[in-house]
Amino acid sequence: MKKIFSLFILTIIFISKIFAQENLPYSRYGVGFLQPQQFQSTMGMGNLSTAFQSEWMQNPANPASYASLAQKSTVFDAALQMRWNTLSDGNNSSRYFDMQPAYLGLGSMIHNGKKMKIGIGFSLLPQSKISYNISQAGSATSLPIIEKQNFSGNGNLYKFQLGSGVKYKNLYLGVQGGYMFGRIFYDAQIFYPDSAHALGAENYRLQNPGGFCWTGGLQYVIPIGKENKIIIGTTYTAAANLQTHQTEVWRRFSSYGGNYEYIVDTVRYLSDTTGKIKIPAKISFGVQWIQGRQWALGAQFEQQDWSLYRNFEQHDSLKKSWKLAVGGYFTPDALSSQIFKRTIYKFGFNYGLDPIYLRGNQFNYYSFNAGASIPIAFKAEENRPMFIFIHLNFETGSHGSTTSNLVSENFFRFNFGITVSGNWYQRRKFD
């Protein structure tokens, strides 16, 4: 089983490398394109994670929810993400596709007392992604005359985190600590016309950031009758200061016809310079109304001040961002023997401001979400029920702008995930 699982993970990573053809021009700014920090349990419903909790599905976006897991339960989560994006400047467009693992997670209820419950969970998931390749024509009216400039970058930030949640009466409290790490590459090239007989100039930077981060969460349950309830939640993710090692090189190259030929010499080389990347704090508030096992509706607001972002003490073209989400789910008949009647159907909408601020524009962001979590129940042994949830979630939306010679991006994201939940370990007894 371990060999099959390892082969499965390696296959996903190999496939993701083959299909890594995405071009995200705005990932040039800050730490790049921010990846979803939710599991499939809350995707499809507007990513409403701050006030979400479940007995059978974990929610690492708010560590307080770990205390809501079922007694003696252990939950395993894994997912794959596919993303199609279309870039347009108003006249021309291009399409790209990318596929990558979304996360791995494991959670468990470790103490189920009368007055207090304690759950734990750990996960590995991407924090952000940098993947861009931009070519910009030079100007013939300014000196020196530049034929074109090329900007490219790639890399990822990942996060490994371990959290715990405690329940006392109707109050849930949680804290989660993690470690961010990654490898990021930036490259900038300047090409001069062949008639100038000038060598091109290049600057590239390789960064290896790493540092600790933490999130605190709270949820409070207000019962309404026997089965209905309102859940109020909030999270605070502290600012992270990532210790970063950087190698930076300035060099000249020969080019012809706007094409890179070969390196001529290295002008300057700085190896293993140390500095910091500062990622600003984030806060979120959420509320959900849950009507038994039939349906739920909720809303969530989050905010992050990216004007405080720094990379080796340098700021970027970023401002304060915010996002408002609404969504919910419904189940036709949670106790039905028909699988599609007990399936959880989800829907949601997101709207807000991106952190990117360029040429006097701060971009609006919006997306529509939909999905389904299909439950499959079975018994591993007598009196030991297990559940498998197959998650299928979709998101489509847009951000960016074609004004001021900028680019807009339309995207479609499909997420496939699996949750295996139940009492995995049971001590055998002899009569």
Protein backbone atom coordinates (compact mmCIF):
# COMPACT_ATOMS: atom_id res chain seq x y z
CA MET A 1 0.00 0.00 0.00
CA LYS A 2 2.83 2.41 0.88
CA LYS A 3 4.56 1.69 -2.45
CA ILE A 4 1.32 2.33 -4.38
CA PHE A 5 0.73 5.59 -2.51
CA SER A 6 4.32 6.77 -3.13
CA LEU A 7 4.03 5.91 -6.82
CA PHE A 8 0.74 7.84 -6.99
CA ILE A 9 2.34 10.98 -5.50
CA LEU A 10 5.38 10.77 -7.79
CA THR A 11 3.11 10.33 -10.81
CA ILE A 12 1.17 13.48 -9.93
CA ILE A 13 4.38 15.48 -9.52
CA PHE A 14 5.73 14.15 -12.85
CA ILE A 15 2.48 15.01 -14.67
CA SER A 16 2.45 18.49 -13.13
CA LYS A 17 5.95 19.11 -14.52
CA ILE A 18 4.88 18.00 -18.02
CA PHE A 19 1.87 20.31 -18.05
CA ALA A 20 3.64 23.29 -16.43
CA GLN A 21 2.89 25.72 -19.29
CA GLU A 22 1.07 28.41 -17.32
CA ASN A 23 1.83 32.09 -17.82
CA LEU A 24 0.71 34.32 -14.95
CA PRO A 25 2.06 37.80 -15.78
CA TYR A 26 0.91 39.34 -12.49
CA SER A 27 2.78 36.70 -10.50
CA ARG A 28 5.80 38.95 -11.11
CA TYR A 29 4.68 41.04 -8.11
CA GLY A 30 5.01 40.18 -4.44
CA VAL A 31 5.38 36.47 -3.68
CA GLY A 32 3.42 35.64 -6.83
CA PHE A 33 -0.01 34.20 -7.49
CA LEU A 34 -1.57 33.32 -4.14
CA GLN A 35 -2.81 29.74 -4.00
CA PRO A 36 -6.05 28.73 -2.23
CA GLN A 37 -5.41 27.87 1.42
CA GLN A 38 -8.62 25.85 1.75
CA PHE A 39 -9.30 22.17 1.33
CA GLN A 40 -11.94 20.81 -1.04
CA SER A 41 -14.46 20.68 1.81
CA THR A 42 -14.96 24.45 1.51
CA MET A 43 -14.12 25.02 -2.15
CA GLY A 44 -17.10 25.31 -4.47
CA MET A 45 -18.99 27.30 -1.82
CA GLY A 46 -17.05 30.56 -2.16
CA ASN A 47 -14.15 29.24 -0.04
CA LEU A 48 -16.16 29.90 3.14
CA SER A 49 -13.68 28.41 5.60
CA THR A 50 -13.56 30.79 8.58
CA ALA A 51 -16.85 29.56 10.10
CA PHE A 52 -16.86 26.04 8.60
CA GLN A 53 -16.57 22.87 10.67
CA SER A 54 -17.41 19.23 10.06
CA GLU A 55 -17.26 15.85 11.78
CA TRP A 56 -15.93 14.10 8.67
CA MET A 57 -13.91 16.76 6.81
CA GLN A 58 -11.05 18.88 8.13
CA ASN A 59 -10.62 22.62 7.59
CA PRO A 60 -7.01 23.80 8.18
CA ALA A 61 -7.92 27.39 7.18
CA ASN A 62 -9.29 27.77 10.73
CA PRO A 63 -7.44 25.51 13.20
CA ALA A 64 -10.28 25.84 15.74
CA SER A 65 -12.32 23.49 13.52
CA TYR A 66 -10.03 20.52 14.29
CA ALA A 67 -11.96 20.12 17.56
CA SER A 68 -15.16 19.40 15.62
CA LEU A 69 -13.95 16.11 14.12
CA ALA A 70 -15.88 12.98 15.07
CA GLN A 71 -14.86 10.80 18.00
CA LYS A 72 -12.02 8.36 17.21
CA SER A 73 -11.90 9.68 13.64
CA THR A 74 -8.88 10.13 11.41
CA VAL A 75 -9.19 12.13 8.18
CA PHE A 76 -6.91 11.96 5.14
CA ASP A 77 -7.14 14.57 2.35
CA ALA A 78 -5.47 14.92 -1.05
CA ALA A 79 -6.32 16.93 -4.16
CA LEU A 80 -5.24 17.80 -7.68
CA GLN A 81 -5.71 21.22 -9.26
CA MET A 82 -6.04 22.05 -12.97
CA ARG A 83 -6.17 25.62 -14.23
CA TRP A 84 -6.87 27.14 -17.64
CA ASN A 85 -6.21 30.87 -18.09
CA THR A 86 -6.71 33.22 -21.04
CA LEU A 87 -4.72 36.44 -21.30
CA SER A 88 -5.97 39.35 -23.40
CA ASP A 89 -4.78 42.88 -24.13
CA GLY A 90 -8.05 43.78 -25.87
CA ASN A 91 -6.83 42.80 -29.35
CA ASN A 92 -4.89 39.57 -28.93
CA SER A 93 -5.31 36.63 -26.59
CA SER A 94 -3.41 33.49 -25.59
CA ARG A 95 -4.39 30.41 -23.59
CA TYR A 96 -2.44 28.36 -21.07
CA PHE A 97 -2.95 25.23 -18.97
CA ASP A 98 -1.34 23.97 -15.78
CA MET A 99 -1.88 21.02 -13.45
CA GLN A 100 -0.35 20.45 -10.02
CA PRO A 101 -0.97 18.72 -6.66
CA ALA A 102 -3.10 20.96 -4.43
CA TYR A 103 -2.37 19.61 -0.92
CA LEU A 104 -1.96 16.65 1.41
CA GLY A 105 -3.52 16.61 4.88
CA LEU A 106 -4.16 14.40 7.89
CA GLY A 107 -6.32 15.20 10.92
CA SER A 108 -7.56 13.33 13.97
CA MET A 109 -9.60 13.67 17.15
CA ILE A 110 -7.21 12.80 20.01
CA HIS A 111 -9.33 13.58 23.07
CA ASN A 112 -13.10 13.41 23.39
CA GLY A 113 -13.95 14.23 26.99
CA LYS A 114 -17.27 15.34 28.44
CA LYS A 115 -16.11 18.92 28.94
CA MET A 116 -13.31 19.25 26.43
CA LYS A 117 -12.43 17.94 22.97
CA ILE A 118 -9.04 18.21 21.26
CA GLY A 119 -8.26 17.63 17.59
CA ILE A 120 -5.05 17.96 15.59
CA GLY A 121 -4.13 18.20 11.93
CA PHE A 122 -1.17 18.72 9.66
CA SER A 123 -0.96 19.56 5.98
CA LEU A 124 1.39 20.39 3.14
CA LEU A 125 0.12 22.85 0.55
CA PRO A 126 1.40 25.54 -1.85
CA GLN A 127 1.38 29.13 -0.57
CA SER A 128 2.10 30.95 -3.83
CA LYS A 129 3.34 30.41 -7.37
CA ILE A 130 5.52 32.47 -9.70
CA SER A 131 5.28 31.67 -13.41
CA TYR A 132 5.58 34.45 -15.98
CA ASN A 133 7.27 35.20 -19.28
CA ILE A 134 6.82 38.78 -20.52
CA SER A 135 8.33 40.51 -23.55
CA GLN A 136 8.09 44.30 -23.83
CA ALA A 137 9.04 46.27 -26.95
CA GLY A 138 11.51 49.12 -26.50
CA SER A 139 11.04 52.76 -27.38
CA ALA A 140 12.69 54.39 -30.39
CA THR A 141 12.23 57.91 -28.98
CA SER A 142 14.37 57.60 -25.84
CA LEU A 143 18.08 56.96 -25.37
CA PRO A 144 19.57 54.47 -25.24
CA ILE A 145 17.44 52.82 -27.94
CA ILE A 146 16.24 49.44 -26.68
CA GLU A 147 14.85 46.78 -29.01
CA LYS A 148 13.01 44.83 -26.30
CA GLN A 149 13.05 43.69 -22.69
CA ASN A 150 12.30 40.19 -21.46
CA PHE A 151 11.11 39.37 -17.93
CA SER A 152 10.66 35.82 -16.68
CA GLY A 153 10.33 34.08 -13.37
CA ASN A 154 9.33 30.80 -11.84
CA GLY A 155 9.17 29.17 -8.45
CA ASN A 156 6.91 28.26 -5.57
CA LEU A 157 6.42 28.86 -1.88
CA TYR A 158 5.14 25.87 0.09
CA LYS A 159 3.87 25.60 3.63
CA PHE A 160 3.98 22.70 6.05
CA GLN A 161 1.75 23.28 9.07
CA LEU A 162 0.65 21.55 12.25
CA GLY A 163 -2.35 22.75 14.23
CA SER A 164 -4.62 21.89 17.12
CA GLY A 165 -8.14 22.88 18.11
CA VAL A 166 -9.83 22.75 21.52
CA LYS A 167 -13.57 22.75 22.20
CA TYR A 168 -15.05 23.87 25.53
CA LYS A 169 -18.85 23.98 25.57
CA ASN A 170 -19.78 26.05 22.47
CA LEU A 171 -16.38 27.74 22.09
CA TYR A 172 -13.68 26.44 19.73
CA LEU A 173 -10.12 27.79 19.87
CA GLY A 174 -7.18 26.77 17.71
CA VAL A 175 -3.63 27.64 16.78
CA GLN A 176 -1.52 26.43 13.87
CA GLY A 177 2.20 26.78 13.35
CA GLY A 178 3.96 26.22 10.07
CA TYR A 179 7.12 26.58 8.06
CA MET A 180 7.23 28.25 4.64
CA PHE A 181 9.95 27.33 2.19
CA GLY A 182 10.64 27.53 -1.51
CA ARG A 183 12.86 28.48 -4.40
CA ILE A 184 12.25 31.50 -6.65
CA PHE A 185 14.04 32.60 -9.83
CA TYR A 186 13.81 36.04 -11.49
CA ASP A 187 15.43 37.03 -14.79
CA ALA A 188 15.47 40.36 -16.65
CA GLN A 189 17.12 40.91 -20.08
CA ILE A 190 17.65 43.99 -22.25
CA PHE A 191 18.22 43.61 -26.02
CA TYR A 192 19.68 46.40 -28.16
CA PRO A 193 19.24 46.70 -31.97
CA ASP A 194 21.76 44.83 -34.10
CA SER A 195 22.74 48.14 -35.68
CA ALA A 196 23.96 49.41 -32.31
CA HIS A 197 26.54 46.59 -32.06
CA ALA A 198 25.94 46.57 -28.29
CA LEU A 199 25.92 43.59 -25.97
CA GLY A 200 22.69 42.75 -24.16
CA ALA A 201 22.45 43.06 -20.39
CA GLU A 202 21.00 40.51 -17.98
CA ASN A 203 20.27 40.39 -14.27
CA TYR A 204 19.03 37.28 -12.55
CA ARG A 205 18.27 36.49 -8.92
CA LEU A 206 17.85 33.14 -7.22
CA GLN A 207 16.18 33.19 -3.80
CA ASN A 208 15.71 30.42 -1.25
CA PRO A 209 13.32 31.72 1.44
CA GLY A 210 12.32 29.90 4.60
CA GLY A 211 10.68 30.86 7.87
CA PHE A 212 8.01 30.18 10.45
CA CYS A 213 4.40 31.34 10.36
CA TRP A 214 1.33 30.88 12.53
CA THR A 215 -2.45 31.30 12.49
CA GLY A 216 -4.91 31.61 15.35
CA GLY A 217 -8.60 30.82 15.00
CA LEU A 218 -11.87 31.02 16.91
CA GLN A 219 -15.35 29.63 16.31
CA TYR A 220 -18.46 30.00 18.43
CA VAL A 221 -21.60 27.91 17.93
CA ILE A 222 -25.04 29.34 18.72
CA PRO A 223 -27.60 26.48 18.83
CA ILE A 224 -31.07 27.18 17.41
CA GLY A 225 -33.36 24.32 18.29
CA LYS A 226 -32.19 20.71 18.11
CA GLU A 227 -30.41 20.63 14.74
CA ASN A 228 -30.00 24.21 13.54
CA LYS A 229 -27.16 26.51 14.51
CA ILE A 230 -25.18 29.63 13.67
CA ILE A 231 -21.38 29.49 13.62
CA ILE A 232 -19.35 32.68 13.97
CA GLY A 233 -15.63 32.48 13.20
CA THR A 234 -12.50 34.59 12.89
CA THR A 235 -8.85 33.94 12.06
CA TYR A 236 -5.64 35.93 12.33
CA THR A 237 -2.54 34.98 10.35
CA ALA A 238 0.51 36.77 11.68
CA ALA A 239 3.04 38.51 9.44
CA ALA A 240 5.82 36.14 8.34
CA ASN A 241 9.46 37.18 8.01
CA LEU A 242 11.18 34.63 5.80
CA GLN A 243 14.95 34.41 6.09
CA THR A 244 16.16 34.43 2.49
CA HIS A 245 19.44 33.51 0.81
CA GLN A 246 19.97 35.20 -2.54
CA THR A 247 22.42 34.81 -5.39
CA GLU A 248 22.45 37.70 -7.87
CA VAL A 249 24.34 37.96 -11.16
CA TRP A 250 24.80 40.82 -13.68
CA ARG A 251 26.23 39.75 -17.03
CA ARG A 252 26.39 40.64 -20.73
CA PHE A 253 25.39 38.46 -23.66
CA SER A 254 25.57 38.42 -27.43
CA SER A 255 22.32 38.58 -29.38
CA TYR A 256 21.22 38.69 -33.00
CA GLY A 257 17.76 39.43 -34.36
CA GLY A 258 16.41 39.80 -30.83
CA ASN A 259 17.53 36.27 -29.89
CA TYR A 260 19.83 35.32 -27.01
CA GLU A 261 23.04 33.69 -28.33
CA TYR A 262 25.71 33.25 -25.64
CA ILE A 263 27.16 34.81 -22.46
CA VAL A 264 30.12 37.14 -23.04
CA ASP A 265 31.17 38.02 -19.48
CA THR A 266 29.99 38.42 -15.89
CA VAL A 267 30.04 42.00 -14.61
CA ARG A 268 29.10 41.31 -10.99
CA TYR A 269 28.38 38.24 -8.87
CA LEU A 270 26.95 38.25 -5.34
CA SER A 271 26.66 34.83 -3.72
CA ASP A 272 24.55 33.85 -0.70
CA THR A 273 23.45 37.32 0.37
CA THR A 274 21.02 37.14 3.30
CA GLY A 275 17.88 39.22 3.71
CA LYS A 276 14.19 38.87 4.48
CA ILE A 277 10.89 38.57 2.65
CA LYS A 278 8.04 39.99 4.72
CA ILE A 279 4.52 38.69 4.07
CA PRO A 280 1.87 40.87 5.76
CA ALA A 281 -0.70 39.69 8.30
CA LYS A 282 -4.21 38.62 7.25
CA ILE A 283 -7.48 38.68 9.15
CA SER A 284 -10.85 37.13 8.29
CA PHE A 285 -14.39 37.06 9.70
CA GLY A 286 -17.14 34.61 8.77
CA VAL A 287 -20.62 33.44 9.70
CA GLN A 288 -22.69 30.43 8.64
CA TRP A 289 -26.31 29.46 9.22
CA ILE A 290 -26.69 25.66 9.20
CA GLN A 291 -30.13 24.05 8.81
CA GLY A 292 -29.55 20.51 10.09
CA ARG A 293 -28.17 18.29 7.34
CA GLN A 294 -30.20 19.98 4.62
CA TRP A 295 -28.47 23.26 3.79
CA ALA A 296 -26.19 26.08 4.93
CA LEU A 297 -25.63 29.70 3.93
CA GLY A 298 -22.72 31.93 4.87
CA ALA A 299 -20.58 34.98 4.23
CA GLN A 300 -16.92 35.81 4.81
CA PHE A 301 -14.67 38.88 4.68
CA GLU A 302 -10.87 38.90 4.65
CA GLN A 303 -8.26 41.62 4.38
CA GLN A 304 -4.48 41.81 3.94
CA ASP A 305 -2.34 44.95 3.64
CA TRP A 306 0.18 44.11 0.91
CA SER A 307 1.65 47.61 0.98
CA LEU A 308 3.67 46.25 3.93
CA TYR A 309 5.28 43.57 1.75
CA ARG A 310 9.08 43.76 1.55
CA ASN A 311 11.73 41.78 -0.34
CA PHE A 312 15.25 42.67 0.82
CA GLU A 313 13.74 45.94 2.17
CA GLN A 314 12.28 46.75 -1.26
CA HIS A 315 8.53 47.31 -1.58
CA ASP A 316 6.48 46.41 -4.66
CA SER A 317 3.49 47.70 -6.67
CA LEU A 318 1.04 46.38 -4.09
CA LYS A 319 -1.73 47.81 -1.93
CA LYS A 320 -4.25 46.66 0.66
CA SER A 321 -6.48 43.87 -0.67
CA TRP A 322 -9.82 42.52 0.50
CA LYS A 323 -12.31 39.84 -0.51
CA LEU A 324 -15.98 39.27 0.25
CA ALA A 325 -17.46 35.81 -0.29
CA VAL A 326 -20.99 34.41 -0.05
CA GLY A 327 -22.07 30.84 -0.60
CA GLY A 328 -23.48 27.67 0.83
CA TYR A 329 -24.46 24.08 0.20
CA PHE A 330 -27.52 21.83 0.21
CA THR A 331 -28.23 18.11 0.34
CA PRO A 332 -31.54 16.75 -1.04
CA ASP A 333 -31.66 13.87 1.47
CA ALA A 334 -28.63 13.13 3.65
CA LEU A 335 -30.03 9.73 4.73
CA SER A 336 -31.05 8.53 1.27
CA SER A 337 -29.69 5.29 -0.15
CA GLN A 338 -29.34 7.03 -3.54
CA ILE A 339 -25.90 8.53 -3.87
CA PHE A 340 -26.92 11.68 -5.77
CA LYS A 341 -29.62 12.51 -3.23
CA ARG A 342 -27.13 12.46 -0.35
CA THR A 343 -24.46 14.36 -2.32
CA ILE A 344 -23.49 17.81 -0.97
CA TYR A 345 -24.01 20.43 -3.72
CA LYS A 346 -22.11 23.71 -3.29
CA PHE A 347 -22.25 27.22 -4.77
CA GLY A 348 -20.55 30.56 -4.09
CA PHE A 349 -19.32 33.93 -5.29
CA ASN A 350 -16.20 36.01 -4.51
CA TYR A 351 -15.58 39.69 -5.10
CA GLY A 352 -12.79 42.02 -3.99
CA LEU A 353 -9.67 43.99 -4.79
CA ASP A 354 -6.40 42.40 -5.87
CA PRO A 355 -3.27 43.69 -4.13
CA ILE A 356 -1.65 44.65 -7.47
CA TYR A 357 -1.58 48.39 -8.24
CA LEU A 358 -0.24 49.37 -11.69
CA ARG A 359 -0.46 52.59 -13.70
CA GLY A 360 -3.08 54.06 -11.41
CA ASN A 361 -5.23 50.88 -11.44
CA GLN A 362 -6.00 48.48 -8.63
CA PHE A 363 -7.68 45.44 -10.12
CA ASN A 364 -11.10 44.11 -9.20
CA TYR A 365 -11.32 40.37 -8.66
CA TYR A 366 -14.40 38.16 -8.96
CA SER A 367 -15.18 34.48 -9.36
CA PHE A 368 -18.12 32.07 -9.38
CA ASN A 369 -17.87 28.70 -7.64
CA ALA A 370 -19.79 25.45 -7.81
CA GLY A 371 -19.10 21.88 -6.83
CA ALA A 372 -20.17 18.64 -5.26
CA SER A 373 -18.91 16.36 -2.49
CA ILE A 374 -20.06 12.79 -3.16
CA PRO A 375 -20.15 10.59 -0.03
CA ILE A 376 -19.48 6.87 -0.20
CA ALA A 377 -19.99 4.94 3.04
CA PHE A 378 -18.66 1.47 3.87
CA LYS A 379 -17.55 -0.60 6.84
CA ALA A 380 -13.90 -1.53 7.16
CA GLU A 381 -14.95 -3.98 9.87
CA GLU A 382 -18.07 -4.59 11.92
CA ASN A 383 -19.08 -1.46 13.87
CA ARG A 384 -16.30 0.55 12.21
CA PRO A 385 -17.89 2.84 9.58
CA MET A 386 -15.71 4.69 7.04
CA PHE A 387 -16.56 7.47 4.63
CA ILE A 388 -15.00 8.51 1.35
CA PHE A 389 -15.88 11.90 -0.13
CA ILE A 390 -15.12 12.54 -3.78
CA HIS A 391 -14.86 16.30 -4.30
CA LEU A 392 -15.44 17.97 -7.69
CA ASN A 393 -15.18 21.76 -7.54
CA PHE A 394 -15.12 24.46 -10.22
CA GLU A 395 -14.22 28.13 -10.21
CA THR A 396 -14.30 30.67 -13.03
CA GLY A 397 -13.52 34.35 -12.83
CA SER A 398 -11.46 37.32 -13.96
CA HIS A 399 -8.99 39.90 -12.78
CA GLY A 400 -6.64 42.41 -14.36
CA SER A 401 -7.53 45.12 -16.87
CA THR A 402 -6.93 46.03 -20.52
CA THR A 403 -6.78 49.76 -19.73
CA SER A 404 -3.42 51.58 -19.71
CA ASN A 405 -1.88 48.86 -21.95
CA LEU A 406 -2.35 46.19 -19.29
CA VAL A 407 -3.59 42.61 -19.58
CA SER A 408 -6.76 40.97 -18.27
CA GLU A 409 -6.93 37.33 -17.23
CA ASN A 410 -9.94 35.02 -17.37
CA PHE A 411 -9.49 31.68 -15.64
CA PHE A 412 -11.23 28.37 -15.09
CA ARG A 413 -10.08 26.10 -12.29
CA PHE A 414 -11.11 22.48 -11.71
CA ASN A 415 -10.22 20.74 -8.45
CA PHE A 416 -10.46 17.02 -7.83
CA GLY A 417 -10.06 15.84 -4.25
CA ILE A 418 -10.62 12.88 -1.99
CA THR A 419 -11.32 12.63 1.75
CA VAL A 420 -11.10 9.35 3.63
CA SER A 421 -12.63 9.67 7.09
CA GLY A 422 -13.48 7.31 9.93
CA ASN A 423 -12.05 5.12 12.68
CA TRP A 424 -8.90 3.83 11.00
CA TYR A 425 -7.42 2.20 14.09
CA GLN A 426 -9.37 0.01 16.48
CA ARG A 427 -7.85 -2.20 19.14
CA ARG A 428 -8.92 -5.79 18.66
CA LYS A 429 -10.67 -7.56 21.50
CA PHE A 430 -11.06 -11.28 22.15
CA ASP A 431 -14.19 -12.76 23.67
